[in-house]
């Protein structure tokens, strides 16, 4: 759907649960209601998404990170540039690119 909209730039963010928020309280009570992605799982999702996304749409960001002291889940422990490198590697491994499908 997004590929058909008059969109020039998008930003994607993984779910992060931060301390001191209503979501943190909900997560503590009902963790089964949430699915914080593991790194490799989210990398796969991003690559799948890129394959289906109109190549004319600029992806400005696809990961974000709060200070480690604020994050309850997921606790990946990597820098944003390390995540980007994982996405780039997976794109090469799969011989794929934005808009391939």
PDB file of N, CA and C in Angstrom:
ATOM      1  N   UNK A   1       0.812  -1.192   0.000  1.00  0.00           N
ATOM      2  CA  UNK A   1       0.000   0.000   0.000  1.00  0.00           C
ATOM      3  C   UNK A   1       0.857   1.259   0.000  1.00  0.00           C
ATOM      4  N   UNK A   2       1.909   1.256   0.811  1.00  0.00           N
ATOM      5  CA  UNK A   2       2.745   2.449   0.907  1.00  0.00           C
ATOM      6  C   UNK A   2       3.374   2.784  -0.445  1.00  0.00           C
ATOM      7  N   UNK A   3       3.756   1.770  -1.192  1.00  0.00           N
ATOM      8  CA  UNK A   3       4.385   1.996  -2.494  1.00  0.00           C
ATOM      9  C   UNK A   3       3.471   2.737  -3.460  1.00  0.00           C
ATOM     10  N   UNK A   4       2.176   2.640  -3.272  1.00  0.00           N
ATOM     11  CA  UNK A   4       1.239   3.293  -4.181  1.00  0.00           C
ATOM     12  C   UNK A   4       0.840   4.698  -3.719  1.00  0.00           C
ATOM     13  N   UNK A   5       1.297   5.093  -2.549  1.00  0.00           N
ATOM     14  CA  UNK A   5       0.953   6.421  -2.018  1.00  0.00           C
ATOM     15  C   UNK A   5       1.947   7.471  -2.510  1.00  0.00           C
ATOM     16  N   UNK A   6       1.532   8.747  -2.507  1.00  0.00           N
ATOM     17  CA  UNK A   6       2.458   9.811  -2.917  1.00  0.00           C
ATOM     18  C   UNK A   6       3.426  10.146  -1.778  1.00  0.00           C
ATOM     19  N   UNK A   7       4.267   9.179  -1.442  1.00  0.00           N
ATOM     20  CA  UNK A   7       5.216   9.297  -0.344  1.00  0.00           C
ATOM     21  C   UNK A   7       6.618   9.393  -0.933  1.00  0.00           C
ATOM     22  N   UNK A   8       7.427  10.293  -0.393  1.00  0.00           N
ATOM     23  CA  UNK A   8       8.801  10.427  -0.869  1.00  0.00           C
ATOM     24  C   UNK A   8       9.807   9.801   0.084  1.00  0.00           C
ATOM     25  N   UNK A   9       9.514   9.880   1.378  1.00  0.00           N
ATOM     26  CA  UNK A   9      10.453   9.418   2.407  1.00  0.00           C
ATOM     27  C   UNK A   9       9.676   8.669   3.480  1.00  0.00           C
ATOM     28  N   UNK A  10      10.250   7.571   3.966  1.00  0.00           N
ATOM     29  CA  UNK A  10       9.661   6.870   5.114  1.00  0.00           C
ATOM     30  C   UNK A  10      10.739   6.609   6.152  1.00  0.00           C
ATOM     31  N   UNK A  11      10.295   6.425   7.374  1.00  0.00           N
ATOM     32  CA  UNK A  11      11.157   6.019   8.476  1.00  0.00           C
ATOM     33  C   UNK A  11      10.479   4.837   9.146  1.00  0.00           C
ATOM     34  N   UNK A  12      11.226   3.786   9.369  1.00  0.00           N
ATOM     35  CA  UNK A  12      10.710   2.595  10.037  1.00  0.00           C
ATOM     36  C   UNK A  12      11.406   2.473  11.389  1.00  0.00           C
ATOM     37  N   UNK A  13      10.688   1.984  12.371  1.00  0.00           N
ATOM     38  CA  UNK A  13      11.256   1.812  13.702  1.00  0.00           C
ATOM     39  C   UNK A  13      10.803   0.482  14.276  1.00  0.00           C
ATOM     40  N   UNK A  14      11.702  -0.225  14.901  1.00  0.00           N
ATOM     41  CA  UNK A  14      11.339  -1.440  15.607  1.00  0.00           C
ATOM     42  C   UNK A  14      10.684  -1.062  16.928  1.00  0.00           C
ATOM     43  N   UNK A  15       9.872  -1.957  17.445  1.00  0.00           N
ATOM     44  CA  UNK A  15       9.266  -1.730  18.751  1.00  0.00           C
ATOM     45  C   UNK A  15      10.355  -1.755  19.811  1.00  0.00           C
ATOM     46  N   UNK A  16      10.375  -0.736  20.646  1.00  0.00           N
ATOM     47  CA  UNK A  16      11.227  -0.714  21.827  1.00  0.00           C
ATOM     48  C   UNK A  16      10.345  -0.396  23.018  1.00  0.00           C
ATOM     49  N   UNK A  17      10.539  -1.117  24.077  1.00  0.00           N
ATOM     50  CA  UNK A  17       9.792  -0.868  25.301  1.00  0.00           C
ATOM     51  C   UNK A  17      10.720  -0.137  26.260  1.00  0.00           C
ATOM     52  N   UNK A  18      10.310   1.065  26.658  1.00  0.00           N
ATOM     53  CA  UNK A  18      11.155   1.925  27.480  1.00  0.00           C
ATOM     54  C   UNK A  18      10.664   1.978  28.923  1.00  0.00           C
ATOM     55  N   UNK A  19      11.608   2.114  29.817  1.00  0.00           N
ATOM     56  CA  UNK A  19      11.286   2.229  31.240  1.00  0.00           C
ATOM     57  C   UNK A  19      10.409   3.457  31.495  1.00  0.00           C
ATOM     58  N   UNK A  20       9.554   3.327  32.492  1.00  0.00           N
ATOM     59  CA  UNK A  20       8.740   4.456  32.908  1.00  0.00           C
ATOM     60  C   UNK A  20       7.564   4.785  32.007  1.00  0.00           C
ATOM     61  N   UNK A  21       7.219   3.888  31.102  1.00  0.00           N
ATOM     62  CA  UNK A  21       6.103   4.151  30.189  1.00  0.00           C
ATOM     63  C   UNK A  21       4.928   3.224  30.502  1.00  0.00           C
ATOM     64  N   UNK A  22       3.760   3.597  29.996  1.00  0.00           N
ATOM     65  CA  UNK A  22       2.583   2.745  30.147  1.00  0.00           C
ATOM     66  C   UNK A  22       2.825   1.394  29.472  1.00  0.00           C
ATOM     67  N   UNK A  23       3.528   1.415  28.339  1.00  0.00           N
ATOM     68  CA  UNK A  23       3.811   0.160  27.646  1.00  0.00           C
ATOM     69  C   UNK A  23       4.712  -0.744  28.501  1.00  0.00           C
ATOM     70  N   UNK A  24       5.636  -0.171  29.230  1.00  0.00           N
ATOM     71  CA  UNK A  24       6.505  -0.959  30.102  1.00  0.00           C
ATOM     72  C   UNK A  24       5.691  -1.663  31.185  1.00  0.00           C
ATOM     73  N   UNK A  25       4.718  -0.964  31.731  1.00  0.00           N
ATOM     74  CA  UNK A  25       3.848  -1.572  32.745  1.00  0.00           C
ATOM     75  C   UNK A  25       3.024  -2.709  32.138  1.00  0.00           C
ATOM     76  N   UNK A  26       2.489  -2.457  30.953  1.00  0.00           N
ATOM     77  CA  UNK A  26       1.704  -3.472  30.252  1.00  0.00           C
ATOM     78  C   UNK A  26       2.577  -4.692  29.911  1.00  0.00           C
ATOM     79  N   UNK A  27       3.785  -4.441  29.452  1.00  0.00           N
ATOM     80  CA  UNK A  27       4.721  -5.516  29.099  1.00  0.00           C
ATOM     81  C   UNK A  27       5.067  -6.361  30.333  1.00  0.00           C
ATOM     82  N   UNK A  28       5.239  -5.708  31.467  1.00  0.00           N
ATOM     83  CA  UNK A  28       5.549  -6.437  32.706  1.00  0.00           C
ATOM     84  C   UNK A  28       4.397  -7.358  33.112  1.00  0.00           C
ATOM     85  N   UNK A  29       3.173  -6.895  32.893  1.00  0.00           N
ATOM     86  CA  UNK A  29       1.997  -7.691  33.271  1.00  0.00           C
ATOM     87  C   UNK A  29       1.659  -8.763  32.247  1.00  0.00           C
ATOM     88  N   UNK A  30       1.801  -8.434  30.976  1.00  0.00           N
ATOM     89  CA  UNK A  30       1.380  -9.334  29.900  1.00  0.00           C
ATOM     90  C   UNK A  30       2.443  -9.433  28.795  1.00  0.00           C
ATOM     91  N   UNK A  31       3.608  -9.977  29.099  1.00  0.00           N
ATOM     92  CA  UNK A  31       4.668 -10.027  28.081  1.00  0.00           C
ATOM     93  C   UNK A  31       4.273 -10.832  26.845  1.00  0.00           C
ATOM     94  N   UNK A  32       3.347 -11.749  26.990  1.00  0.00           N
ATOM     95  CA  UNK A  32       2.918 -12.575  25.855  1.00  0.00           C
ATOM     96  C   UNK A  32       2.179 -11.758  24.787  1.00  0.00           C
ATOM     97  N   UNK A  33       1.757 -10.579  25.123  1.00  0.00           N
ATOM     98  CA  UNK A  33       1.062  -9.710  24.161  1.00  0.00           C
ATOM     99  C   UNK A  33       2.025  -8.967  23.234  1.00  0.00           C
ATOM    100  N   UNK A  34       3.303  -9.067  23.496  1.00  0.00           N
ATOM    101  CA  UNK A  34       4.313  -8.319  22.746  1.00  0.00           C
ATOM    102  C   UNK A  34       5.274  -9.269  22.044  1.00  0.00           C
ATOM    103  N   UNK A  35       5.825  -8.775  20.947  1.00  0.00           N
ATOM    104  CA  UNK A  35       6.823  -9.558  20.218  1.00  0.00           C
ATOM    105  C   UNK A  35       7.997  -8.660  19.832  1.00  0.00           C
ATOM    106  N   UNK A  36       8.871  -8.367  20.783  1.00  0.00           N
ATOM    107  CA  UNK A  36      10.068  -7.611  20.418  1.00  0.00           C
ATOM    108  C   UNK A  36      10.951  -8.491  19.516  1.00  0.00           C
ATOM    109  N   UNK A  37      11.273  -7.993  18.349  1.00  0.00           N
ATOM    110  CA  UNK A  37      12.042  -8.777  17.387  1.00  0.00           C
ATOM    111  C   UNK A  37      13.467  -9.022  17.844  1.00  0.00           C
ATOM    112  N   UNK A  38      13.965 -10.221  17.577  1.00  0.00           N
ATOM    113  CA  UNK A  38      15.395 -10.498  17.695  1.00  0.00           C
ATOM    114  C   UNK A  38      16.073  -9.796  16.516  1.00  0.00           C
ATOM    115  N   UNK A  39      17.359  -9.532  16.633  1.00  0.00           N
ATOM    116  CA  UNK A  39      18.075  -8.789  15.584  1.00  0.00           C
ATOM    117  C   UNK A  39      17.895  -9.431  14.216  1.00  0.00           C
ATOM    118  N   UNK A  40      18.225 -10.707  14.100  1.00  0.00           N
ATOM    119  CA  UNK A  40      18.180 -11.361  12.782  1.00  0.00           C
ATOM    120  C   UNK A  40      16.762 -11.420  12.225  1.00  0.00           C
ATOM    121  N   UNK A  41      15.796 -11.532  13.098  1.00  0.00           N
ATOM    122  CA  UNK A  41      14.400 -11.551  12.673  1.00  0.00           C
ATOM    123  C   UNK A  41      13.995 -10.185  12.079  1.00  0.00           C
ATOM    124  N   UNK A  42      14.419  -9.120  12.739  1.00  0.00           N
ATOM    125  CA  UNK A  42      14.097  -7.781  12.247  1.00  0.00           C
ATOM    126  C   UNK A  42      14.860  -7.458  10.960  1.00  0.00           C
ATOM    127  N   UNK A  43      16.101  -7.918  10.869  1.00  0.00           N
ATOM    128  CA  UNK A  43      16.867  -7.752   9.623  1.00  0.00           C
ATOM    129  C   UNK A  43      16.096  -8.393   8.475  1.00  0.00           C
ATOM    130  N   UNK A  44      15.605  -9.598   8.663  1.00  0.00           N
ATOM    131  CA  UNK A  44      14.832 -10.285   7.630  1.00  0.00           C
ATOM    132  C   UNK A  44      13.579  -9.522   7.251  1.00  0.00           C
ATOM    133  N   UNK A  45      12.894  -8.975   8.237  1.00  0.00           N
ATOM    134  CA  UNK A  45      11.687  -8.192   7.979  1.00  0.00           C
ATOM    135  C   UNK A  45      12.013  -6.957   7.141  1.00  0.00           C
ATOM    136  N   UNK A  46      13.077  -6.263   7.487  1.00  0.00           N
ATOM    137  CA  UNK A  46      13.487  -5.068   6.750  1.00  0.00           C
ATOM    138  C   UNK A  46      13.839  -5.413   5.306  1.00  0.00           C
ATOM    139  N   UNK A  47      14.565  -6.496   5.102  1.00  0.00           N
ATOM    140  CA  UNK A  47      14.936  -6.907   3.743  1.00  0.00           C
ATOM    141  C   UNK A  47      13.687  -7.282   2.947  1.00  0.00           C
ATOM    142  N   UNK A  48      12.794  -8.041   3.536  1.00  0.00           N
ATOM    143  CA  UNK A  48      11.530  -8.385   2.868  1.00  0.00           C
ATOM    144  C   UNK A  48      10.762  -7.122   2.493  1.00  0.00           C
ATOM    145  N   UNK A  49      10.707  -6.177   3.406  1.00  0.00           N
ATOM    146  CA  UNK A  49       9.993  -4.927   3.182  1.00  0.00           C
ATOM    147  C   UNK A  49      10.618  -4.157   2.019  1.00  0.00           C
ATOM    148  N   UNK A  50      11.946  -4.071   2.018  1.00  0.00           N
ATOM    149  CA  UNK A  50      12.659  -3.366   0.941  1.00  0.00           C
ATOM    150  C   UNK A  50      12.359  -3.971  -0.426  1.00  0.00           C
ATOM    151  N   UNK A  51      12.308  -5.267  -0.497  1.00  0.00           N
ATOM    152  CA  UNK A  51      12.034  -5.925  -1.777  1.00  0.00           C
ATOM    153  C   UNK A  51      10.694  -5.483  -2.357  1.00  0.00           C
ATOM    154  N   UNK A  52       9.747  -5.190  -1.500  1.00  0.00           N
ATOM    155  CA  UNK A  52       8.394  -4.843  -1.927  1.00  0.00           C
ATOM    156  C   UNK A  52       8.139  -3.340  -2.002  1.00  0.00           C
ATOM    157  N   UNK A  53       9.103  -2.537  -1.614  1.00  0.00           N
ATOM    158  CA  UNK A  53       8.905  -1.093  -1.542  1.00  0.00           C
ATOM    159  C   UNK A  53       9.333  -0.411  -2.840  1.00  0.00           C
ATOM    160  N   UNK A  54       8.488   0.493  -3.298  1.00  0.00           N
ATOM    161  CA  UNK A  54       8.790   1.289  -4.488  1.00  0.00           C
ATOM    162  C   UNK A  54      10.206   1.878  -4.358  1.00  0.00           C
ATOM    163  N   UNK A  55      11.074   1.644  -5.335  1.00  0.00           N
ATOM    164  CA  UNK A  55      12.458   2.131  -5.226  1.00  0.00           C
ATOM    165  C   UNK A  55      12.584   3.650  -5.269  1.00  0.00           C
ATOM    166  N   UNK A  56      11.513   4.349  -5.616  1.00  0.00           N
ATOM    167  CA  UNK A  56      11.552   5.811  -5.619  1.00  0.00           C
ATOM    168  C   UNK A  56      11.312   6.408  -4.238  1.00  0.00           C
ATOM    169  N   UNK A  57      10.934   5.580  -3.289  1.00  0.00           N
ATOM    170  CA  UNK A  57      10.711   6.048  -1.918  1.00  0.00           C
ATOM    171  C   UNK A  57      12.023   5.909  -1.143  1.00  0.00           C
ATOM    172  N   UNK A  58      12.443   6.990  -0.543  1.00  0.00           N
ATOM    173  CA  UNK A  58      13.686   6.998   0.235  1.00  0.00           C
ATOM    174  C   UNK A  58      13.405   6.456   1.631  1.00  0.00           C
ATOM    175  N   UNK A  59      14.206   5.486   2.048  1.00  0.00           N
ATOM    176  CA  UNK A  59      14.109   4.965   3.415  1.00  0.00           C
ATOM    177  C   UNK A  59      15.172   5.691   4.224  1.00  0.00           C
ATOM    178  N   UNK A  60      14.727   6.624   5.042  1.00  0.00           N
ATOM    179  CA  UNK A  60      15.649   7.448   5.806  1.00  0.00           C
ATOM    180  C   UNK A  60      16.207   6.717   7.023  1.00  0.00           C
ATOM    181  N   UNK A  61      15.418   5.807   7.569  1.00  0.00           N
ATOM    182  CA  UNK A  61      15.838   5.112   8.782  1.00  0.00           C
ATOM    183  C   UNK A  61      15.015   3.836   8.906  1.00  0.00           C
ATOM    184  N   UNK A  62      15.626   2.775   9.448  1.00  0.00           N
ATOM    185  CA  UNK A  62      14.846   1.572   9.715  1.00  0.00           C
ATOM    186  C   UNK A  62      15.179   0.961  11.058  1.00  0.00           C
ATOM    187  N   UNK A  63      15.900   1.691  11.853  1.00  0.00           N
ATOM    188  CA  UNK A  63      16.190   1.233  13.207  1.00  0.00           C
ATOM    189  C   UNK A  63      16.463   2.464  14.068  1.00  0.00           C
ATOM    190  N   UNK A  64      16.152   2.343  15.325  1.00  0.00           N
ATOM    191  CA  UNK A  64      16.398   3.428  16.258  1.00  0.00           C
ATOM    192  C   UNK A  64      16.846   2.812  17.573  1.00  0.00           C
ATOM    193  N   UNK A  65      17.550   3.591  18.344  1.00  0.00           N
ATOM    194  CA  UNK A  65      17.946   3.054  19.645  1.00  0.00           C
ATOM    195  C   UNK A  65      17.935   4.156  20.684  1.00  0.00           C
ATOM    196  N   UNK A  66      17.323   3.844  21.783  1.00  0.00           N
ATOM    197  CA  UNK A  66      17.303   4.738  22.934  1.00  0.00           C
ATOM    198  C   UNK A  66      18.526   4.415  23.785  1.00  0.00           C
ATOM    199  N   UNK A  67      18.860   5.280  24.714  1.00  0.00           N
ATOM    200  CA  UNK A  67      19.957   4.948  25.629  1.00  0.00           C
ATOM    201  C   UNK A  67      19.697   3.602  26.309  1.00  0.00           C
ATOM    202  N   UNK A  68      20.720   2.819  26.435  1.00  0.00           N
ATOM    203  CA  UNK A  68      20.608   1.465  26.980  1.00  0.00           C
ATOM    204  C   UNK A  68      19.881   1.425  28.324  1.00  0.00           C
ATOM    205  N   UNK A  69      20.077   2.441  29.130  1.00  0.00           N
ATOM    206  CA  UNK A  69      19.445   2.470  30.455  1.00  0.00           C
ATOM    207  C   UNK A  69      17.925   2.604  30.376  1.00  0.00           C
ATOM    208  N   UNK A  70      17.406   3.030  29.211  1.00  0.00           N
ATOM    209  CA  UNK A  70      15.961   3.202  29.054  1.00  0.00           C
ATOM    210  C   UNK A  70      15.269   1.975  28.459  1.00  0.00           C
ATOM    211  N   UNK A  71      16.028   1.095  27.827  1.00  0.00           N
ATOM    212  CA  UNK A  71      15.432   0.012  27.046  1.00  0.00           C
ATOM    213  C   UNK A  71      15.192  -1.221  27.913  1.00  0.00           C
ATOM    214  N   UNK A  72      13.946  -1.665  27.901  1.00  0.00           N
ATOM    215  CA  UNK A  72      13.591  -2.920  28.555  1.00  0.00           C
ATOM    216  C   UNK A  72      13.695  -4.065  27.549  1.00  0.00           C
ATOM    217  N   UNK A  73      13.152  -3.826  26.370  1.00  0.00           N
ATOM    218  CA  UNK A  73      13.184  -4.847  25.316  1.00  0.00           C
ATOM    219  C   UNK A  73      12.999  -4.173  23.961  1.00  0.00           C
ATOM    220  N   UNK A  74      13.592  -4.705  22.921  1.00  0.00           N
ATOM    221  CA  UNK A  74      14.623  -5.729  22.919  1.00  0.00           C
ATOM    222  C   UNK A  74      15.971  -5.121  23.277  1.00  0.00           C
ATOM    223  N   UNK A  75      16.807  -5.872  23.882  1.00  0.00           N
ATOM    224  CA  UNK A  75      18.134  -5.397  24.290  1.00  0.00           C
ATOM    225  C   UNK A  75      19.153  -5.993  23.329  1.00  0.00           C
ATOM    226  N   UNK A  76      19.298  -5.358  22.183  1.00  0.00           N
ATOM    227  CA  UNK A  76      20.174  -5.878  21.128  1.00  0.00           C
ATOM    228  C   UNK A  76      21.651  -5.657  21.424  1.00  0.00           C
ATOM    229  N   UNK A  77      21.980  -4.536  22.010  1.00  0.00           N
ATOM    230  CA  UNK A  77      23.381  -4.275  22.342  1.00  0.00           C
ATOM    231  C   UNK A  77      24.268  -3.968  21.142  1.00  0.00           C
ATOM    232  N   UNK A  78      23.680  -3.441  20.058  1.00  0.00           N
ATOM    233  CA  UNK A  78      24.494  -3.048  18.909  1.00  0.00           C
ATOM    234  C   UNK A  78      24.178  -1.606  18.530  1.00  0.00           C
ATOM    235  N   UNK A  79      25.115  -0.991  17.844  1.00  0.00           N
ATOM    236  CA  UNK A  79      24.944   0.372  17.358  1.00  0.00           C
ATOM    237  C   UNK A  79      24.129   0.355  16.067  1.00  0.00           C
ATOM    238  N   UNK A  80      23.528   1.490  15.728  1.00  0.00           N
ATOM    239  CA  UNK A  80      22.723   1.571  14.509  1.00  0.00           C
ATOM    240  C   UNK A  80      23.530   1.214  13.269  1.00  0.00           C
ATOM    241  N   UNK A  81      24.780   1.679  13.176  1.00  0.00           N
ATOM    242  CA  UNK A  81      25.598   1.373  12.003  1.00  0.00           C
ATOM    243  C   UNK A  81      25.892  -0.125  11.889  1.00  0.00           C
ATOM    244  N   UNK A  82      25.961  -0.821  13.015  1.00  0.00           N
ATOM    245  CA  UNK A  82      26.155  -2.274  12.975  1.00  0.00           C
ATOM    246  C   UNK A  82      24.906  -2.958  12.433  1.00  0.00           C
ATOM    247  N   UNK A  83      23.743  -2.430  12.801  1.00  0.00           N
ATOM    248  CA  UNK A  83      22.506  -2.982  12.272  1.00  0.00           C
ATOM    249  C   UNK A  83      22.421  -2.752  10.767  1.00  0.00           C
ATOM    250  N   UNK A  84      22.764  -1.559  10.327  1.00  0.00           N
ATOM    251  CA  UNK A  84      22.762  -1.238   8.894  1.00  0.00           C
ATOM    252  C   UNK A  84      23.676  -2.207   8.144  1.00  0.00           C
ATOM    253  N   UNK A  85      24.829  -2.496   8.700  1.00  0.00           N
ATOM    254  CA  UNK A  85      25.765  -3.435   8.064  1.00  0.00           C
ATOM    255  C   UNK A  85      25.138  -4.820   7.930  1.00  0.00           C
ATOM    256  N   UNK A  86      24.370  -5.238   8.923  1.00  0.00           N
ATOM    257  CA  UNK A  86      23.690  -6.536   8.851  1.00  0.00           C
ATOM    258  C   UNK A  86      22.649  -6.547   7.726  1.00  0.00           C
ATOM    259  N   UNK A  87      21.917  -5.455   7.581  1.00  0.00           N
ATOM    260  CA  UNK A  87      20.921  -5.365   6.501  1.00  0.00           C
ATOM    261  C   UNK A  87      21.626  -5.404   5.150  1.00  0.00           C
ATOM    262  N   UNK A  88      22.679  -4.627   5.002  1.00  0.00           N
ATOM    263  CA  UNK A  88      23.416  -4.610   3.738  1.00  0.00           C
ATOM    264  C   UNK A  88      23.969  -5.995   3.394  1.00  0.00           C
ATOM    265  N   UNK A  89      24.481  -6.684   4.385  1.00  0.00           N
ATOM    266  CA  UNK A  89      25.007  -8.037   4.172  1.00  0.00           C
ATOM    267  C   UNK A  89      23.901  -8.988   3.722  1.00  0.00           C
ATOM    268  N   UNK A  90      22.738  -8.910   4.379  1.00  0.00           N
ATOM    269  CA  UNK A  90      21.623  -9.795   4.019  1.00  0.00           C
ATOM    270  C   UNK A  90      21.119  -9.494   2.608  1.00  0.00           C
ATOM    271  N   UNK A  91      21.072  -8.211   2.238  1.00  0.00           N
ATOM    272  CA  UNK A  91      20.673  -7.849   0.870  1.00  0.00           C
ATOM    273  C   UNK A  91      21.616  -8.495  -0.145  1.00  0.00           C
ATOM    274  N   UNK A  92      22.899  -8.435   0.124  1.00  0.00           N
ATOM    275  CA  UNK A  92      23.891  -9.055  -0.775  1.00  0.00           C
ATOM    276  C   UNK A  92      23.741 -10.572  -0.805  1.00  0.00           C
ATOM    277  N   UNK A  93      23.581 -11.180   0.359  1.00  0.00           N
ATOM    278  CA  UNK A  93      23.424 -12.638   0.434  1.00  0.00           C
ATOM    279  C   UNK A  93      22.212 -13.113  -0.359  1.00  0.00           C
ATOM    280  N   UNK A  94      21.153 -12.344  -0.317  1.00  0.00           N
ATOM    281  CA  UNK A  94      19.917 -12.726  -1.010  1.00  0.00           C
ATOM    282  C   UNK A  94      19.848 -12.201  -2.442  1.00  0.00           C
ATOM    283  N   UNK A  95      20.892 -11.474  -2.847  1.00  0.00           N
ATOM    284  CA  UNK A  95      20.931 -10.861  -4.174  1.00  0.00           C
ATOM    285  C   UNK A  95      19.621 -10.132  -4.447  1.00  0.00           C
ATOM    286  N   UNK A  96      19.321  -9.205  -3.539  1.00  0.00           N
ATOM    287  CA  UNK A  96      18.054  -8.492  -3.644  1.00  0.00           C
ATOM    288  C   UNK A  96      18.281  -7.009  -3.405  1.00  0.00           C
ATOM    289  N   UNK A  97      17.232  -6.213  -3.611  1.00  0.00           N
ATOM    290  CA  UNK A  97      17.308  -4.767  -3.505  1.00  0.00           C
ATOM    291  C   UNK A  97      15.915  -4.187  -3.344  1.00  0.00           C
ATOM    292  N   UNK A  98      15.869  -2.891  -3.055  1.00  0.00           N
ATOM    293  CA  UNK A  98      14.595  -2.210  -2.889  1.00  0.00           C
ATOM    294  C   UNK A  98      13.827  -2.207  -4.202  1.00  0.00           C
ATOM    295  N   UNK A  99      12.605  -2.728  -4.149  1.00  0.00           N
ATOM    296  CA  UNK A  99      11.737  -2.753  -5.320  1.00  0.00           C
ATOM    297  C   UNK A  99      11.905  -3.951  -6.232  1.00  0.00           C
ATOM    298  N   UNK A 100      12.659  -4.944  -5.804  1.00  0.00           N
ATOM    299  CA  UNK A 100      12.895  -6.118  -6.657  1.00  0.00           C
ATOM    300  C   UNK A 100      11.588  -6.830  -6.990  1.00  0.00           C
ATOM    301  N   UNK A 101      10.684  -6.929  -6.031  1.00  0.00           N
ATOM    302  CA  UNK A 101       9.433  -7.675  -6.248  1.00  0.00           C
ATOM    303  C   UNK A 101       8.358  -6.746  -6.763  1.00  0.00           C
TER     304      UNK A 101
END
